[in-house]
Every structure is written in structure tokens, then in C-alpha cells.
Amino acid sequence: MVDGCRCDKAEETPAAPTASAFDLIRRRVPDTDLVVAIPKGWQLAMPDPGPLPPVPPPNTPITLQTRMLVSARPGLPAPGKLVPPWLQVLEDPWLPLGTTGVDYLVAQRASNQVAVGTNIRHVDAEPSRRQGRPSYHIRDEWTVKGPDGSERIMSQEALLILDDAKTPDGQVAVHGYTVVITMEKGEFEALQPLVREILASVVFEERPPGVAGPSAPR
């Protein structure tokens, strides 16, 4: 497994709870060892991200080549909200060997700043380990304007995890995975127990024989 995060306070995060207070369905993320619980009734999509990009040359700085593997959201926004919550599972393949949790967090936040196009407020970042893998549990917020000119605060909570991978020629590399949930802050406060349980459900489970994917054998 990838050597850890530069934070001494990182602790092992327990695996998914055995019982759920919500109606969740566990789904395997295509072509990975990842399993995540999706709320029953949410519209689930597993878009084809296409082939993995080429492996960057050695000593290339971290360059995120983000691919969306899973997207899920309720059919309609909650009353008084502009958009429904959005759950995504993202993959960043071929990170440099030696990438730490801190490195991945910094790269992710720089990428998010560009994508959002407004000032992101970093509310929390908690290092941990998920089944021995370096991870970060983060929460960010930013403000957007609705069609009527009113301001809405968006909340985003995510789990970032690093995992070993093998390049096509058998070299060791690193893949980054992000399970992220985005919604308006008022709804986030009401649904935080659900958000936490979804993120707690994320585990790595060995794929059945014959199921291909980028992760290295464990």
C-alpha cells in the first residue's frame, strides 16, 4: 500500500458499519475494488469514462486526470432548493509514486477552485486511514447566486483515498479516489447523518476472478 500521509495524527478509520439507519444499497464501482452505499431511490449512473489515460513520464508533477466513475442523485431538489444533492465517485489515475495524502489534498483543492470559479472556504480536513490506505475526510463550502439573485451556500463533504496501482508495464503507481457529496448547506445540515454514513460505507473489496481493473493485486 501507498506510504502514508505527512500528518502524525492520522488514525485508522473503521470499516463500514454493520447496520444502517438509512435505506442504502451497496454498489461496486466499475473496474475498481471500491464499494460504496447509494441511497435507495437515487438515480444512479455509471458513465463510461473511456480508457485510462497514458502513464505520465517519470518525475512528472501531480497532474489530475479526473474520471467520473459513478454519479447518483435524487430525482428532484428538496422544497426551496435549487439543485438536488449529488454523489460522485471520481478517479485520478497515475499519480506519482510517493504521493501522500497531503499532496493529493492540495492538488484536489486547487482543481476544485478552478472548477467552482469562486472562493472556496475550507471548513475541515481530517487525515485518517481507510483499510490501511492514506485518506482525508474534508468539508468545503462556497457561495453561488440563484436565478433570482439570492445567494446560496453550497456544502461539499468528501473522502479522498490513495491506493496502489500497476502501470501496463508492471510498474508500481498510485491511483487517487474521491467519494464526494455536494448539496445546499441547509439541506446538508439536515442530511449530515446520511452523508456521514455514505462516506463511512466506502471500503475496498477484492474483485471476483476475471473482473478487470487498475488496482494492483493485494
C-alpha atoms as a PDB file:
ATOM      1  CA  MET A   1       0.000   0.000   0.000  1.00  0.00           C
ATOM      2  CA  VAL A   2       0.995   3.579  -0.562  1.00  0.00           C
ATOM      3  CA  ASP A   3       3.136   5.018   2.233  1.00  0.00           C
ATOM      4  CA  GLY A   4       1.089   7.371   4.356  1.00  0.00           C
ATOM      5  CA  CYS A   5       0.267  10.950   4.879  1.00  0.00           C
ATOM      6  CA  ARG A   6       2.586  13.543   6.352  1.00  0.00           C
ATOM      7  CA  CYS A   7       0.181  14.066   9.256  1.00  0.00           C
ATOM      8  CA  ASP A   8       1.139  12.335  12.506  1.00  0.00           C
ATOM      9  CA  LYS A   9      -2.443  12.437  13.802  1.00  0.00           C
ATOM     10  CA  ALA A  10      -3.850  10.163  11.112  1.00  0.00           C
ATOM     11  CA  GLU A  11      -5.808   7.304  12.607  1.00  0.00           C
ATOM     12  CA  GLU A  12      -7.327   4.196  11.127  1.00  0.00           C
ATOM     13  CA  THR A  13     -10.950   4.769  10.119  1.00  0.00           C
ATOM     14  CA  PRO A  14     -13.175   1.770  10.868  1.00  0.00           C
ATOM     15  CA  ALA A  15     -14.833  -0.052   8.005  1.00  0.00           C
ATOM     16  CA  ALA A  16     -18.477   0.411   7.155  1.00  0.00           C
ATOM     17  CA  PRO A  17     -20.961  -0.099   9.999  1.00  0.00           C
ATOM     18  CA  THR A  18     -22.806  -3.397  10.133  1.00  0.00           C
ATOM     19  CA  ALA A  19     -26.239  -1.786  10.455  1.00  0.00           C
ATOM     20  CA  SER A  20     -27.684   1.266   8.723  1.00  0.00           C
ATOM     21  CA  ALA A  21     -30.254   3.814   9.839  1.00  0.00           C
ATOM     22  CA  PHE A  22     -30.949   4.523   6.150  1.00  0.00           C
ATOM     23  CA  ASP A  23     -32.133   2.526   3.158  1.00  0.00           C
ATOM     24  CA  LEU A  24     -28.832   2.117   1.327  1.00  0.00           C
ATOM     25  CA  ILE A  25     -27.737  -0.231  -1.431  1.00  0.00           C
ATOM     26  CA  ARG A  26     -24.075  -1.253  -1.671  1.00  0.00           C
ATOM     27  CA  ARG A  27     -22.690  -0.939  -5.191  1.00  0.00           C
ATOM     28  CA  ARG A  28     -19.281  -1.822  -6.611  1.00  0.00           C
ATOM     29  CA  VAL A  29     -17.645   0.996  -8.562  1.00  0.00           C
ATOM     30  CA  PRO A  30     -16.912  -0.367 -12.067  1.00  0.00           C
ATOM     31  CA  ASP A  31     -13.368  -1.641 -12.694  1.00  0.00           C
ATOM     32  CA  THR A  32     -12.202  -0.929  -9.142  1.00  0.00           C
ATOM     33  CA  ASP A  33     -12.091  -2.593  -5.726  1.00  0.00           C
ATOM     34  CA  LEU A  34     -14.249   0.215  -4.300  1.00  0.00           C
ATOM     35  CA  VAL A  35     -17.696  -0.435  -2.837  1.00  0.00           C
ATOM     36  CA  VAL A  36     -19.980   2.435  -1.758  1.00  0.00           C
ATOM     37  CA  ALA A  37     -23.533   2.587  -0.392  1.00  0.00           C
ATOM     38  CA  ILE A  38     -26.046   4.553  -2.511  1.00  0.00           C
ATOM     39  CA  PRO A  39     -29.398   5.744  -1.085  1.00  0.00           C
ATOM     40  CA  LYS A  40     -32.244   3.658  -2.455  1.00  0.00           C
ATOM     41  CA  GLY A  41     -34.287   5.614  -4.989  1.00  0.00           C
ATOM     42  CA  TRP A  42     -31.465   7.878  -6.104  1.00  0.00           C
ATOM     43  CA  GLN A  43     -30.917   7.921  -9.845  1.00  0.00           C
ATOM     44  CA  LEU A  44     -27.660   6.056 -10.429  1.00  0.00           C
ATOM     45  CA  ALA A  45     -25.407   6.449 -13.455  1.00  0.00           C
ATOM     46  CA  MET A  46     -22.110   4.742 -14.182  1.00  0.00           C
ATOM     47  CA  PRO A  47     -20.802   6.671 -17.184  1.00  0.00           C
ATOM     48  CA  ASP A  48     -18.148   5.122 -19.406  1.00  0.00           C
ATOM     49  CA  PRO A  49     -15.006   7.124 -18.579  1.00  0.00           C
ATOM     50  CA  GLY A  50     -13.168   5.649 -21.558  1.00  0.00           C
ATOM     51  CA  PRO A  51      -9.747   4.025 -21.401  1.00  0.00           C
ATOM     52  CA  LEU A  52      -7.232   5.013 -18.781  1.00  0.00           C
ATOM     53  CA  PRO A  53      -5.010   7.897 -19.916  1.00  0.00           C
ATOM     54  CA  PRO A  54      -1.341   7.228 -20.723  1.00  0.00           C
ATOM     55  CA  VAL A  55       1.044   6.953 -17.791  1.00  0.00           C
ATOM     56  CA  PRO A  56       2.938  10.260 -17.398  1.00  0.00           C
ATOM     57  CA  PRO A  57       6.730  10.173 -17.763  1.00  0.00           C
ATOM     58  CA  PRO A  58       8.768   9.688 -14.572  1.00  0.00           C
ATOM     59  CA  ASN A  59       9.225  12.766 -12.347  1.00  0.00           C
ATOM     60  CA  THR A  60       6.097  14.428 -13.753  1.00  0.00           C
ATOM     61  CA  PRO A  61       4.467  16.642 -11.074  1.00  0.00           C
ATOM     62  CA  ILE A  62       0.998  15.655  -9.854  1.00  0.00           C
ATOM     63  CA  THR A  63      -1.417  16.153 -12.723  1.00  0.00           C
ATOM     64  CA  LEU A  64      -5.022  15.212 -12.040  1.00  0.00           C
ATOM     65  CA  GLN A  65      -6.689  13.401 -14.942  1.00  0.00           C
ATOM     66  CA  THR A  66     -10.037  13.054 -13.199  1.00  0.00           C
ATOM     67  CA  ARG A  67     -12.546  10.492 -14.458  1.00  0.00           C
ATOM     68  CA  MET A  68     -16.123  10.194 -13.187  1.00  0.00           C
ATOM     69  CA  LEU A  69     -16.990   6.565 -12.395  1.00  0.00           C
ATOM     70  CA  VAL A  70     -20.321   6.948 -10.567  1.00  0.00           C
ATOM     71  CA  SER A  71     -22.969   9.669 -10.340  1.00  0.00           C
ATOM     72  CA  ALA A  72     -26.127   9.490  -8.214  1.00  0.00           C
ATOM     73  CA  ARG A  73     -28.745  12.000  -7.125  1.00  0.00           C
ATOM     74  CA  PRO A  74     -32.399  12.196  -6.106  1.00  0.00           C
ATOM     75  CA  GLY A  75     -34.804  12.917  -8.915  1.00  0.00           C
ATOM     76  CA  LEU A  76     -35.861  16.390  -7.734  1.00  0.00           C
ATOM     77  CA  PRO A  77     -34.500  19.131  -5.465  1.00  0.00           C
ATOM     78  CA  ALA A  78     -35.948  19.394  -1.977  1.00  0.00           C
ATOM     79  CA  PRO A  79     -38.580  22.122  -1.491  1.00  0.00           C
ATOM     80  CA  GLY A  80     -36.954  25.540  -1.552  1.00  0.00           C
ATOM     81  CA  LYS A  81     -33.678  24.227  -3.013  1.00  0.00           C
ATOM     82  CA  LEU A  82     -32.247  24.885  -6.470  1.00  0.00           C
ATOM     83  CA  VAL A  83     -30.466  21.582  -7.090  1.00  0.00           C
ATOM     84  CA  PRO A  84     -30.690  18.053  -5.686  1.00  0.00           C
ATOM     85  CA  PRO A  85     -27.770  16.544  -3.765  1.00  0.00           C
ATOM     86  CA  TRP A  86     -25.085  14.972  -5.940  1.00  0.00           C
ATOM     87  CA  LEU A  87     -22.949  11.956  -5.092  1.00  0.00           C
ATOM     88  CA  GLN A  88     -19.917  11.295  -7.297  1.00  0.00           C
ATOM     89  CA  VAL A  89     -17.109   8.774  -7.283  1.00  0.00           C
ATOM     90  CA  LEU A  90     -14.051  10.154  -9.077  1.00  0.00           C
ATOM     91  CA  GLU A  91     -10.739   8.589 -10.006  1.00  0.00           C
ATOM     92  CA  ASP A  92      -7.379  10.297 -10.562  1.00  0.00           C
ATOM     93  CA  PRO A  93      -5.115   7.695 -12.183  1.00  0.00           C
ATOM     94  CA  TRP A  94      -1.331   7.576 -12.366  1.00  0.00           C
ATOM     95  CA  LEU A  95      -0.337   9.875  -9.532  1.00  0.00           C
ATOM     96  CA  PRO A  96       3.438   9.887  -8.944  1.00  0.00           C
ATOM     97  CA  LEU A  97       4.847   7.153  -6.751  1.00  0.00           C
ATOM     98  CA  GLY A  98       5.333   8.615  -3.283  1.00  0.00           C
ATOM     99  CA  THR A  99       2.249  10.862  -3.452  1.00  0.00           C
ATOM    100  CA  THR A 100       0.990  11.464   0.090  1.00  0.00           C
ATOM    101  CA  GLY A 101      -2.450  12.254   1.400  1.00  0.00           C
ATOM    102  CA  VAL A 102      -1.416  15.875   1.822  1.00  0.00           C
ATOM    103  CA  ASP A 103      -0.160  16.048  -1.781  1.00  0.00           C
ATOM    104  CA  TYR A 104      -3.461  14.684  -3.087  1.00  0.00           C
ATOM    105  CA  LEU A 105      -5.498  17.033  -0.892  1.00  0.00           C
ATOM    106  CA  VAL A 106      -3.596  20.101  -2.140  1.00  0.00           C
ATOM    107  CA  ALA A 107      -3.963  19.039  -5.789  1.00  0.00           C
ATOM    108  CA  GLN A 108      -7.675  18.314  -5.351  1.00  0.00           C
ATOM    109  CA  ARG A 109      -8.389  21.665  -3.765  1.00  0.00           C
ATOM    110  CA  ALA A 110      -6.516  23.550  -6.466  1.00  0.00           C
ATOM    111  CA  SER A 111      -8.532  21.694  -9.114  1.00  0.00           C
ATOM    112  CA  ASN A 112     -11.826  22.353  -7.291  1.00  0.00           C
ATOM    113  CA  GLN A 113     -11.036  26.065  -7.034  1.00  0.00           C
ATOM    114  CA  VAL A 114     -10.706  26.258 -10.812  1.00  0.00           C
ATOM    115  CA  ALA A 115     -13.867  24.192 -11.408  1.00  0.00           C
ATOM    116  CA  VAL A 116     -16.064  26.144  -8.982  1.00  0.00           C
ATOM    117  CA  GLY A 117     -14.782  29.532 -10.131  1.00  0.00           C
ATOM    118  CA  THR A 118     -15.411  31.230  -6.780  1.00  0.00           C
ATOM    119  CA  ASN A 119     -13.733  31.363  -3.403  1.00  0.00           C
ATOM    120  CA  ILE A 120     -13.912  28.013  -1.593  1.00  0.00           C
ATOM    121  CA  ARG A 121     -13.945  28.049   2.204  1.00  0.00           C
ATOM    122  CA  HIS A 122     -12.107  25.078   3.661  1.00  0.00           C
ATOM    123  CA  VAL A 123     -14.156  24.097   6.695  1.00  0.00           C
ATOM    124  CA  ASP A 124     -12.428  20.910   7.800  1.00  0.00           C
ATOM    125  CA  ALA A 125      -9.759  18.400   6.746  1.00  0.00           C
ATOM    126  CA  GLU A 126      -9.204  15.305   8.869  1.00  0.00           C
ATOM    127  CA  PRO A 127      -6.463  12.815   7.959  1.00  0.00           C
ATOM    128  CA  SER A 128      -7.089   9.143   8.574  1.00  0.00           C
ATOM    129  CA  ARG A 129      -6.503   5.737   7.031  1.00  0.00           C
ATOM    130  CA  ARG A 130      -9.106   3.595   5.327  1.00  0.00           C
ATOM    131  CA  GLN A 131      -8.147  -0.086   5.487  1.00  0.00           C
ATOM    132  CA  GLY A 132      -4.515   0.999   5.790  1.00  0.00           C
ATOM    133  CA  ARG A 133      -4.677   3.426   2.874  1.00  0.00           C
ATOM    134  CA  PRO A 134      -3.925   7.152   3.356  1.00  0.00           C
ATOM    135  CA  SER A 135      -7.159   9.147   3.287  1.00  0.00           C
ATOM    136  CA  TYR A 136      -8.621  12.550   4.084  1.00  0.00           C
ATOM    137  CA  HIS A 137     -12.151  13.429   5.167  1.00  0.00           C
ATOM    138  CA  ILE A 138     -12.792  17.018   4.072  1.00  0.00           C
ATOM    139  CA  ARG A 139     -15.582  19.570   4.035  1.00  0.00           C
ATOM    140  CA  ASP A 140     -15.695  22.739   1.934  1.00  0.00           C
ATOM    141  CA  GLU A 141     -18.233  25.495   1.269  1.00  0.00           C
ATOM    142  CA  TRP A 142     -18.751  28.190  -1.335  1.00  0.00           C
ATOM    143  CA  THR A 143     -21.414  30.749  -2.247  1.00  0.00           C
ATOM    144  CA  VAL A 144     -23.376  30.825  -5.512  1.00  0.00           C
ATOM    145  CA  LYS A 145     -26.146  33.076  -6.807  1.00  0.00           C
ATOM    146  CA  GLY A 146     -29.504  31.629  -7.786  1.00  0.00           C
ATOM    147  CA  PRO A 147     -31.544  32.717 -10.834  1.00  0.00           C
ATOM    148  CA  ASP A 148     -33.377  35.244  -8.637  1.00  0.00           C
ATOM    149  CA  GLY A 149     -30.095  36.778  -7.477  1.00  0.00           C
ATOM    150  CA  SER A 150     -30.276  35.296  -3.994  1.00  0.00           C
ATOM    151  CA  GLU A 151     -27.127  33.783  -2.543  1.00  0.00           C
ATOM    152  CA  ARG A 152     -26.950  30.095  -1.695  1.00  0.00           C
ATOM    153  CA  ILE A 153     -24.202  28.368   0.259  1.00  0.00           C
ATOM    154  CA  MET A 154     -23.104  25.037  -1.167  1.00  0.00           C
ATOM    155  CA  SER A 155     -21.569  22.383   1.081  1.00  0.00           C
ATOM    156  CA  GLN A 156     -19.343  19.571  -0.084  1.00  0.00           C
ATOM    157  CA  GLU A 157     -18.098  16.664   2.002  1.00  0.00           C
ATOM    158  CA  ALA A 158     -15.662  14.155   0.568  1.00  0.00           C
ATOM    159  CA  LEU A 159     -13.433  11.198   1.281  1.00  0.00           C
ATOM    160  CA  LEU A 160     -10.080  11.142  -0.546  1.00  0.00           C
ATOM    161  CA  ILE A 161      -8.189   7.840  -0.665  1.00  0.00           C
ATOM    162  CA  LEU A 162      -4.896   6.742  -2.226  1.00  0.00           C
ATOM    163  CA  ASP A 163      -4.405   3.184  -3.459  1.00  0.00           C
ATOM    164  CA  ASP A 164      -1.690   1.191  -5.175  1.00  0.00           C
ATOM    165  CA  ALA A 165      -1.956   0.556  -8.905  1.00  0.00           C
ATOM    166  CA  LYS A 166       0.093  -1.156 -11.594  1.00  0.00           C
ATOM    167  CA  THR A 167       1.064   0.514 -14.865  1.00  0.00           C
ATOM    168  CA  PRO A 168       0.643  -1.517 -18.075  1.00  0.00           C
ATOM    169  CA  ASP A 169       4.345  -2.444 -17.925  1.00  0.00           C
ATOM    170  CA  GLY A 170       4.025  -3.646 -14.324  1.00  0.00           C
ATOM    171  CA  GLN A 171       5.478  -0.640 -12.505  1.00  0.00           C
ATOM    172  CA  VAL A 172       4.016   0.498  -9.182  1.00  0.00           C
ATOM    173  CA  ALA A 173       1.934   3.688  -9.339  1.00  0.00           C
ATOM    174  CA  VAL A 174      -0.791   5.406  -7.323  1.00  0.00           C
ATOM    175  CA  HIS A 175      -4.469   5.993  -8.025  1.00  0.00           C
ATOM    176  CA  GLY A 176      -6.493   8.585  -6.137  1.00  0.00           C
ATOM    177  CA  TYR A 177     -10.208   8.134  -5.471  1.00  0.00           C
ATOM    178  CA  THR A 178     -12.702  10.719  -4.231  1.00  0.00           C
ATOM    179  CA  VAL A 179     -16.216   9.997  -3.000  1.00  0.00           C
ATOM    180  CA  VAL A 180     -17.895  13.404  -2.796  1.00  0.00           C
ATOM    181  CA  ILE A 181     -21.372  14.623  -1.897  1.00  0.00           C
ATOM    182  CA  THR A 182     -22.476  18.164  -2.793  1.00  0.00           C
ATOM    183  CA  MET A 183     -25.679  19.944  -1.748  1.00  0.00           C
ATOM    184  CA  GLU A 184     -27.010  23.241  -0.431  1.00  0.00           C
ATOM    185  CA  LYS A 185     -25.878  23.948   3.119  1.00  0.00           C
ATOM    186  CA  GLY A 186     -29.358  23.979   4.627  1.00  0.00           C
ATOM    187  CA  GLU A 187     -30.053  20.522   3.235  1.00  0.00           C
ATOM    188  CA  PHE A 188     -26.594  19.309   4.198  1.00  0.00           C
ATOM    189  CA  GLU A 189     -27.248  20.127   7.829  1.00  0.00           C
ATOM    190  CA  ALA A 190     -30.452  18.050   7.736  1.00  0.00           C
ATOM    191  CA  LEU A 191     -28.853  15.156   5.836  1.00  0.00           C
ATOM    192  CA  GLN A 192     -25.436  15.084   7.520  1.00  0.00           C
ATOM    193  CA  PRO A 193     -26.091  11.698   9.190  1.00  0.00           C
ATOM    194  CA  LEU A 194     -26.790  10.230   5.740  1.00  0.00           C
ATOM    195  CA  VAL A 195     -23.689  11.892   4.267  1.00  0.00           C
ATOM    196  CA  ARG A 196     -21.518  10.517   7.043  1.00  0.00           C
ATOM    197  CA  GLU A 197     -22.917   7.019   6.634  1.00  0.00           C
ATOM    198  CA  ILE A 198     -22.341   7.032   2.871  1.00  0.00           C
ATOM    199  CA  LEU A 199     -18.712   8.052   3.361  1.00  0.00           C
ATOM    200  CA  ALA A 200     -18.283   5.516   6.182  1.00  0.00           C
ATOM    201  CA  SER A 201     -19.554   2.794   3.825  1.00  0.00           C
ATOM    202  CA  VAL A 202     -16.647   3.191   1.396  1.00  0.00           C
ATOM    203  CA  VAL A 203     -14.473   0.071   1.506  1.00  0.00           C
ATOM    204  CA  PHE A 204     -12.110  -1.835  -0.753  1.00  0.00           C
ATOM    205  CA  GLU A 205     -13.201  -5.400  -1.513  1.00  0.00           C
ATOM    206  CA  GLU A 206     -11.260  -7.756  -3.738  1.00  0.00           C
ATOM    207  CA  ARG A 207     -12.982  -8.253  -7.075  1.00  0.00           C
ATOM    208  CA  PRO A 208     -14.190 -11.666  -8.185  1.00  0.00           C
ATOM    209  CA  PRO A 209     -11.829 -13.582 -10.524  1.00  0.00           C
ATOM    210  CA  GLY A 210     -11.905 -12.248 -14.070  1.00  0.00           C
ATOM    211  CA  VAL A 211     -13.074  -8.740 -13.157  1.00  0.00           C
ATOM    212  CA  ALA A 212     -10.510  -6.355 -14.638  1.00  0.00           C
ATOM    213  CA  GLY A 213      -9.424  -3.037 -13.214  1.00  0.00           C
ATOM    214  CA  PRO A 214      -6.451  -0.801 -12.457  1.00  0.00           C
ATOM    215  CA  SER A 215      -5.692  -1.680  -8.854  1.00  0.00           C
ATOM    216  CA  ALA A 216      -2.715  -3.839  -8.013  1.00  0.00           C
ATOM    217  CA  PRO A 217      -3.253  -7.314  -6.566  1.00  0.00           C
ATOM    218  CA  ARG A 218      -3.297  -7.154  -2.777  1.00  0.00           C
END
